[in-house]
């Protein structure tokens, strides 16, 4: 079990993502243009010392959020909405200035490491000034020691690293510039249980040291071990943002039926499967995106797409709560 802090005093809001949507311009038969919307009306906040997990199935658009923050979306992507870093709007120029410095990425694949360069050389980068190189080398070694990487690792090539060691290198590399925001994009797939536990411990330690962390994952158990809050992704929408403590008991504090379904599908909760499938991009229905699978739909669910609304410190996108708010 990863150690998590109790509810804490939040010192500073690091990231504010407000109503962003991401679409891709595609050409279909006859050179007709088609706009494929992959993320719609996404809103979330991250503060210093906090881990926010974005949880969703593969292909749901989670990694596009990371790419939007870093300013590395492909050229055919169209981004709307607003992203702020420490209260300042992030335009493309500012994203490029902060990327790799105050905003760092832990990529999902160890293939991001150059197989032809020794670990230390590629982490430090090309430095002409000898004094500057010594300073960066000393800092690199300090960070590596913090994550249990001995001096022997510096002279190894990536293929000589174990999976767990490679992950530690990626985590350490992200921390070399003392970032304020770290985006961990699917950092655990393919790892054994011990390596997963170590990786999650490193992520939690970052937050405990005051860094804001956005954890993108499809592993609900990983999210619940390390995060403070969990944002549930469904067909490009955030449908609930819940406190980790709400994932307990019978899940009675969880508000959206899909979040309930995810929680009940865990082996420790009976492995109860849910009928139906998540709509693919381009097949999103009119009205609530979950209406065809909802156990308690209302008349408005077929036509009305609900907003993400706050209820007692958590957020949910559901017409049931919209109507309660309007009439009750």
Protein backbone atom coordinates (compact mmCIF):
# COMPACT_ATOMS: atom_id res chain seq x y z
CA UNK A 1 0.00 0.00 0.00
CA UNK A 2 1.40 3.39 -1.03
CA UNK A 3 1.52 5.97 1.71
CA UNK A 4 -0.88 8.87 1.15
CA UNK A 5 -1.12 12.03 3.15
CA UNK A 6 -4.28 12.99 4.92
CA UNK A 7 -6.32 15.94 3.69
CA UNK A 8 -3.89 18.84 3.53
CA UNK A 9 -3.86 22.59 3.16
CA UNK A 10 -3.49 23.26 -0.54
CA UNK A 11 -0.82 25.91 -1.03
CA UNK A 12 -1.11 26.86 -4.69
CA UNK A 13 -3.16 25.97 -7.75
CA UNK A 14 -0.64 24.85 -10.38
CA UNK A 15 -2.85 23.90 -13.33
CA UNK A 16 -6.36 24.89 -14.34
CA UNK A 17 -7.89 23.16 -17.35
CA UNK A 18 -11.21 24.73 -18.24
CA UNK A 19 -13.69 23.42 -20.84
CA UNK A 20 -11.10 22.21 -23.31
CA UNK A 21 -12.10 20.22 -26.39
CA UNK A 22 -9.79 18.53 -28.89
CA UNK A 23 -10.85 17.61 -32.41
CA UNK A 24 -9.00 16.26 -35.44
CA UNK A 25 -9.57 17.32 -39.01
CA UNK A 26 -9.77 14.23 -41.19
CA UNK A 27 -10.36 13.61 -44.88
CA UNK A 28 -12.83 10.91 -45.86
CA UNK A 29 -13.90 9.51 -49.21
CA UNK A 30 -14.04 12.14 -51.93
CA UNK A 31 -11.70 14.42 -49.95
CA UNK A 32 -14.55 15.44 -47.69
CA UNK A 33 -13.51 17.00 -44.43
CA UNK A 34 -14.65 15.46 -41.16
CA UNK A 35 -14.06 16.91 -37.69
CA UNK A 36 -13.61 14.08 -35.18
CA UNK A 37 -14.06 15.25 -31.59
CA UNK A 38 -11.99 13.18 -29.16
CA UNK A 39 -12.13 15.26 -25.94
CA UNK A 40 -15.13 17.41 -25.04
CA UNK A 41 -15.54 20.04 -22.31
CA UNK A 42 -12.75 18.72 -20.07
CA UNK A 43 -12.28 20.58 -16.78
CA UNK A 44 -9.94 19.81 -13.86
CA UNK A 45 -7.50 21.50 -11.46
CA UNK A 46 -4.21 20.42 -9.90
CA UNK A 47 -2.56 22.03 -6.88
CA UNK A 48 0.95 21.72 -5.48
CA UNK A 49 1.44 18.56 -3.42
CA UNK A 50 -1.52 16.86 -5.10
CA UNK A 51 -1.84 13.81 -7.36
CA UNK A 52 -4.81 13.91 -9.72
CA UNK A 53 -5.36 10.65 -11.61
CA UNK A 54 -7.13 10.74 -14.96
CA UNK A 55 -8.62 7.27 -15.30
CA UNK A 56 -10.06 5.86 -18.50
CA UNK A 57 -9.89 2.98 -20.93
CA UNK A 58 -7.25 2.78 -23.65
CA UNK A 59 -8.10 5.06 -26.55
CA UNK A 60 -10.39 7.32 -24.52
CA UNK A 61 -8.19 10.38 -25.16
CA UNK A 62 -6.37 10.61 -21.84
CA UNK A 63 -2.88 11.13 -23.30
CA UNK A 64 -4.19 13.95 -25.52
CA UNK A 65 -4.69 15.98 -22.34
CA UNK A 66 -0.96 15.65 -21.62
CA UNK A 67 -0.11 16.61 -25.21
CA UNK A 68 -2.38 19.66 -25.02
CA UNK A 69 -0.72 20.89 -21.81
CA UNK A 70 2.76 20.36 -23.26
CA UNK A 71 1.89 21.88 -26.64
CA UNK A 72 2.76 18.78 -28.67
CA UNK A 73 -0.58 18.03 -30.32
CA UNK A 74 -0.33 17.04 -34.01
CA UNK A 75 -0.89 19.71 -36.64
CA UNK A 76 -4.37 18.48 -37.60
CA UNK A 77 -5.60 18.89 -34.01
CA UNK A 78 -7.93 21.74 -33.06
CA UNK A 79 -7.87 22.83 -29.41
CA UNK A 80 -10.47 25.04 -27.74
CA UNK A 81 -10.97 26.06 -24.13
CA UNK A 82 -8.45 27.44 -21.67
CA UNK A 83 -5.38 26.06 -19.90
CA UNK A 84 -3.72 28.10 -17.14
CA UNK A 85 -0.46 27.49 -15.31
CA UNK A 86 -0.20 29.36 -12.00
CA UNK A 87 -2.99 31.65 -13.16
CA UNK A 88 -1.30 32.48 -16.48
CA UNK A 89 -2.91 31.40 -19.76
CA UNK A 90 -0.74 28.83 -21.53
CA UNK A 91 -0.37 29.74 -25.19
CA UNK A 92 1.90 27.73 -27.49
CA UNK A 93 4.93 29.96 -26.89
CA UNK A 94 4.60 29.70 -23.10
CA UNK A 95 4.12 25.92 -23.30
CA UNK A 96 7.38 25.62 -25.20
CA UNK A 97 9.18 27.81 -22.65
CA UNK A 98 7.95 25.72 -19.70
CA UNK A 99 8.15 22.28 -21.32
CA UNK A 100 11.00 20.22 -19.88
CA UNK A 101 11.59 22.84 -17.20
CA UNK A 102 8.71 23.76 -14.86
CA UNK A 103 6.41 21.27 -16.61
CA UNK A 104 7.96 17.82 -17.06
CA UNK A 105 6.76 14.57 -18.62
CA UNK A 106 7.29 11.00 -17.48
CA UNK A 107 6.51 9.18 -20.76
CA UNK A 108 4.66 5.90 -20.89
CA UNK A 109 7.38 4.01 -22.80
CA UNK A 110 11.02 3.39 -21.91
CA UNK A 111 11.62 3.64 -25.67
CA UNK A 112 11.89 7.40 -25.05
CA UNK A 113 15.44 6.61 -23.87
CA UNK A 114 18.03 6.75 -26.66
CA UNK A 115 19.40 3.18 -27.04
CA UNK A 116 22.74 4.47 -28.41
CA UNK A 117 23.62 6.79 -25.50
CA UNK A 118 24.74 6.03 -21.99
CA UNK A 119 22.16 6.97 -19.38
CA UNK A 120 24.08 9.83 -17.79
CA UNK A 121 24.99 11.43 -21.14
CA UNK A 122 21.41 11.58 -22.40
CA UNK A 123 20.00 12.74 -19.08
CA UNK A 124 22.44 15.65 -18.80
CA UNK A 125 22.34 16.48 -22.50
CA UNK A 126 24.96 18.24 -24.58
CA UNK A 127 26.85 20.80 -22.47
CA UNK A 128 29.88 22.68 -23.84
CA UNK A 129 31.01 24.51 -20.69
CA UNK A 130 33.02 22.16 -18.46
CA UNK A 131 31.97 23.79 -15.18
CA UNK A 132 28.32 23.70 -16.18
CA UNK A 133 28.70 20.03 -17.10
CA UNK A 134 30.18 19.24 -13.67
CA UNK A 135 27.33 21.06 -11.97
CA UNK A 136 24.70 19.22 -13.98
CA UNK A 137 26.46 15.91 -13.42
CA UNK A 138 26.47 16.48 -9.66
CA UNK A 139 22.76 17.34 -9.71
CA UNK A 140 21.99 14.30 -11.86
CA UNK A 141 23.85 12.06 -9.43
CA UNK A 142 22.01 13.61 -6.47
CA UNK A 143 18.63 12.91 -8.05
CA UNK A 144 19.65 9.40 -9.14
CA UNK A 145 20.80 8.58 -5.60
CA UNK A 146 17.43 9.75 -4.30
CA UNK A 147 15.78 7.05 -6.39
CA UNK A 148 18.27 4.30 -5.66
CA UNK A 149 20.29 4.49 -8.88
CA UNK A 150 24.00 3.85 -8.18
CA UNK A 151 26.92 5.40 -10.04
CA UNK A 152 27.24 2.21 -12.10
CA UNK A 153 23.93 3.07 -13.79
CA UNK A 154 25.41 6.26 -15.28
CA UNK A 155 27.61 4.27 -17.68
CA UNK A 156 24.95 1.78 -18.74
CA UNK A 157 22.99 1.81 -21.98
CA UNK A 158 19.16 1.58 -21.76
CA UNK A 159 19.13 -2.06 -22.95
CA UNK A 160 21.24 -2.93 -19.89
CA UNK A 161 18.62 -1.60 -17.48
CA UNK A 162 15.86 -3.66 -15.92
CA UNK A 163 12.30 -2.42 -16.43
CA UNK A 164 12.21 -0.99 -12.92
CA UNK A 165 15.58 0.76 -13.33
CA UNK A 166 14.51 2.27 -16.66
CA UNK A 167 11.37 3.66 -15.01
CA UNK A 168 13.49 5.17 -12.23
CA UNK A 169 15.66 6.84 -14.86
CA UNK A 170 12.58 8.35 -16.53
CA UNK A 171 11.25 9.58 -13.18
CA UNK A 172 14.65 11.03 -12.24
CA UNK A 173 15.04 12.73 -15.62
CA UNK A 174 11.72 14.50 -15.15
CA UNK A 175 12.90 15.86 -11.79
CA UNK A 176 16.29 17.21 -12.89
CA UNK A 177 14.86 20.66 -13.66
CA UNK A 178 12.96 20.87 -10.33
CA UNK A 179 9.53 21.03 -12.03
CA UNK A 180 6.37 22.37 -10.41
CA UNK A 181 4.09 20.11 -12.50
CA UNK A 182 4.84 16.53 -13.56
CA UNK A 183 2.70 14.63 -16.06
CA UNK A 184 3.07 10.86 -15.67
CA UNK A 185 1.58 9.27 -18.80
CA UNK A 186 0.76 5.58 -18.20
CA UNK A 187 3.96 4.95 -16.17
CA UNK A 188 3.20 1.36 -15.05
CA UNK A 189 2.18 -0.90 -18.00
CA UNK A 190 4.41 -3.92 -18.49
CA UNK A 191 5.99 -3.72 -15.05
CA UNK A 192 5.91 -6.44 -12.41
CA UNK A 193 4.18 -5.81 -9.09
CA UNK A 194 7.37 -4.70 -7.32
CA UNK A 195 8.30 -2.22 -10.07
CA UNK A 196 4.74 -0.84 -10.13
CA UNK A 197 4.85 -0.32 -6.37
CA UNK A 198 8.20 1.47 -6.63
CA UNK A 199 7.03 3.70 -9.50
CA UNK A 200 3.89 4.71 -7.63
CA UNK A 201 5.94 5.40 -4.50
CA UNK A 202 8.17 7.74 -6.51
CA UNK A 203 5.11 9.57 -7.85
CA UNK A 204 3.69 9.95 -4.36
CA UNK A 205 7.04 11.22 -3.10
CA UNK A 206 7.07 13.93 -5.78
CA UNK A 207 3.73 15.20 -4.51
CA UNK A 208 4.86 14.99 -0.90
CA UNK A 209 7.77 17.21 -1.91
CA UNK A 210 5.33 19.84 -3.21
CA UNK A 211 5.07 18.96 -6.91
CA UNK A 212 1.67 18.83 -8.60
CA UNK A 213 1.25 15.50 -10.43
CA UNK A 214 -1.14 14.56 -13.23
CA UNK A 215 -1.24 10.75 -13.41
CA UNK A 216 -2.75 9.38 -16.62
CA UNK A 217 -3.67 5.71 -16.29
CA UNK A 218 -6.16 2.97 -17.09
CA UNK A 219 -5.23 1.07 -13.91
CA UNK A 220 -7.83 1.91 -11.24
CA UNK A 221 -5.88 0.10 -8.50
CA UNK A 222 -2.78 2.20 -9.25
CA UNK A 223 -4.85 5.38 -9.17
CA UNK A 224 -6.44 4.50 -5.84
CA UNK A 225 -3.07 3.71 -4.25
CA UNK A 226 -1.39 7.01 -5.02
CA UNK A 227 -3.89 9.74 -5.99
CA UNK A 228 -5.75 12.33 -3.95
CA UNK A 229 -8.54 12.66 -6.51
CA UNK A 230 -9.61 10.60 -9.51
CA UNK A 231 -11.10 12.07 -12.69
CA UNK A 232 -13.10 9.44 -14.58
CA UNK A 233 -12.87 9.65 -18.39
CA UNK A 234 -15.63 8.24 -20.58
CA UNK A 235 -15.75 8.72 -24.37
CA UNK A 236 -13.81 11.97 -24.16
CA UNK A 237 -15.74 13.44 -21.22
CA UNK A 238 -14.81 13.76 -17.56
CA UNK A 239 -17.95 12.34 -15.97
CA UNK A 240 -16.86 12.44 -12.32
CA UNK A 241 -14.04 13.81 -10.17
CA UNK A 242 -14.11 11.99 -6.85
CA UNK A 243 -11.92 11.97 -3.75
CA UNK A 244 -9.97 8.72 -3.33
CA UNK A 245 -11.72 8.21 -0.01
CA UNK A 246 -15.05 7.93 -1.87
CA UNK A 247 -13.85 4.61 -3.33
CA UNK A 248 -14.66 2.66 -0.19
CA UNK A 249 -17.35 0.43 1.31
CA UNK A 250 -20.01 -0.25 -1.32
CA UNK A 251 -19.04 2.89 -3.21
CA UNK A 252 -22.07 4.69 -1.78
CA UNK A 253 -20.31 8.07 -1.98
CA UNK A 254 -19.59 7.71 -5.70
CA UNK A 255 -22.15 9.57 -7.80
CA UNK A 256 -21.95 8.48 -11.44
CA UNK A 257 -23.20 4.97 -12.37
CA UNK A 258 -20.12 4.36 -14.55
CA UNK A 259 -17.83 5.11 -11.60
CA UNK A 260 -19.88 2.66 -9.54
CA UNK A 261 -19.46 0.07 -12.31
CA UNK A 262 -15.68 0.51 -12.39
CA UNK A 263 -15.46 0.17 -8.61
CA UNK A 264 -17.70 -2.92 -8.52
CA UNK A 265 -15.69 -4.55 -11.32
CA UNK A 266 -12.59 -4.75 -9.09
CA UNK A 267 -11.80 -8.33 -7.97
CA UNK A 268 -12.01 -7.33 -4.31
CA UNK A 269 -15.54 -6.00 -4.93
CA UNK A 270 -16.96 -9.08 -6.59
CA UNK A 271 -15.75 -8.56 -10.18
CA UNK A 272 -19.25 -7.51 -11.31
CA UNK A 273 -19.22 -6.87 -15.05
CA UNK A 274 -21.29 -4.16 -16.73
CA UNK A 275 -23.23 -4.67 -19.96
CA UNK A 276 -22.57 -2.64 -23.09
CA UNK A 277 -19.51 -0.84 -24.37
CA UNK A 278 -18.10 2.65 -24.40
CA UNK A 279 -19.04 4.56 -27.60
CA UNK A 280 -16.15 5.11 -29.97
CA UNK A 281 -15.17 8.57 -31.13
CA UNK A 282 -17.51 9.50 -33.97
CA UNK A 283 -20.32 7.40 -32.44
CA UNK A 284 -21.09 9.66 -29.47
CA UNK A 285 -24.89 9.81 -29.02
CA UNK A 286 -26.98 12.94 -28.64
CA UNK A 287 -27.70 13.75 -25.00
CA UNK A 288 -25.86 12.11 -22.13
CA UNK A 289 -22.91 10.06 -23.37
CA UNK A 290 -23.83 7.28 -20.90
CA UNK A 291 -27.60 7.21 -21.50
CA UNK A 292 -27.74 3.87 -23.35
CA UNK A 293 -26.09 2.07 -20.42
CA UNK A 294 -27.50 4.03 -17.48
CA UNK A 295 -29.57 2.02 -14.95
CA UNK A 296 -31.70 5.07 -14.01
CA UNK A 297 -32.06 7.33 -17.10
CA UNK A 298 -34.39 10.32 -17.05
CA UNK A 299 -36.41 11.69 -19.96
CA UNK A 300 -33.88 14.46 -20.50
CA UNK A 301 -30.94 12.05 -20.82
CA UNK A 302 -31.77 11.29 -24.46
CA UNK A 303 -31.50 14.93 -25.54
CA UNK A 304 -29.63 16.87 -22.82
CA UNK A 305 -25.89 16.53 -22.36
CA UNK A 306 -25.32 17.49 -18.70
CA UNK A 307 -22.62 19.87 -17.50
CA UNK A 308 -19.96 18.91 -14.96
CA UNK A 309 -21.31 20.29 -11.71
CA UNK A 310 -19.86 20.52 -8.21
CA UNK A 311 -21.53 18.69 -5.34
CA UNK A 312 -19.90 18.92 -1.93
CA UNK A 313 -16.33 19.16 -3.17
CA UNK A 314 -16.66 16.52 -5.89
CA UNK A 315 -17.89 16.84 -9.48
CA UNK A 316 -20.32 14.81 -11.58
CA UNK A 317 -21.79 15.00 -15.08
CA UNK A 318 -25.30 13.53 -14.71
CA UNK A 319 -28.82 14.77 -15.45
CA UNK A 320 -30.09 13.22 -12.23
CA UNK A 321 -28.05 15.73 -10.21
CA UNK A 322 -28.71 18.57 -12.64
CA UNK A 323 -32.45 18.20 -12.07
CA UNK A 324 -32.04 17.87 -8.32
CA UNK A 325 -30.09 21.10 -8.34
CA UNK A 326 -32.73 22.87 -10.42
CA UNK A 327 -35.84 21.71 -8.62
CA UNK A 328 -34.77 20.59 -5.20
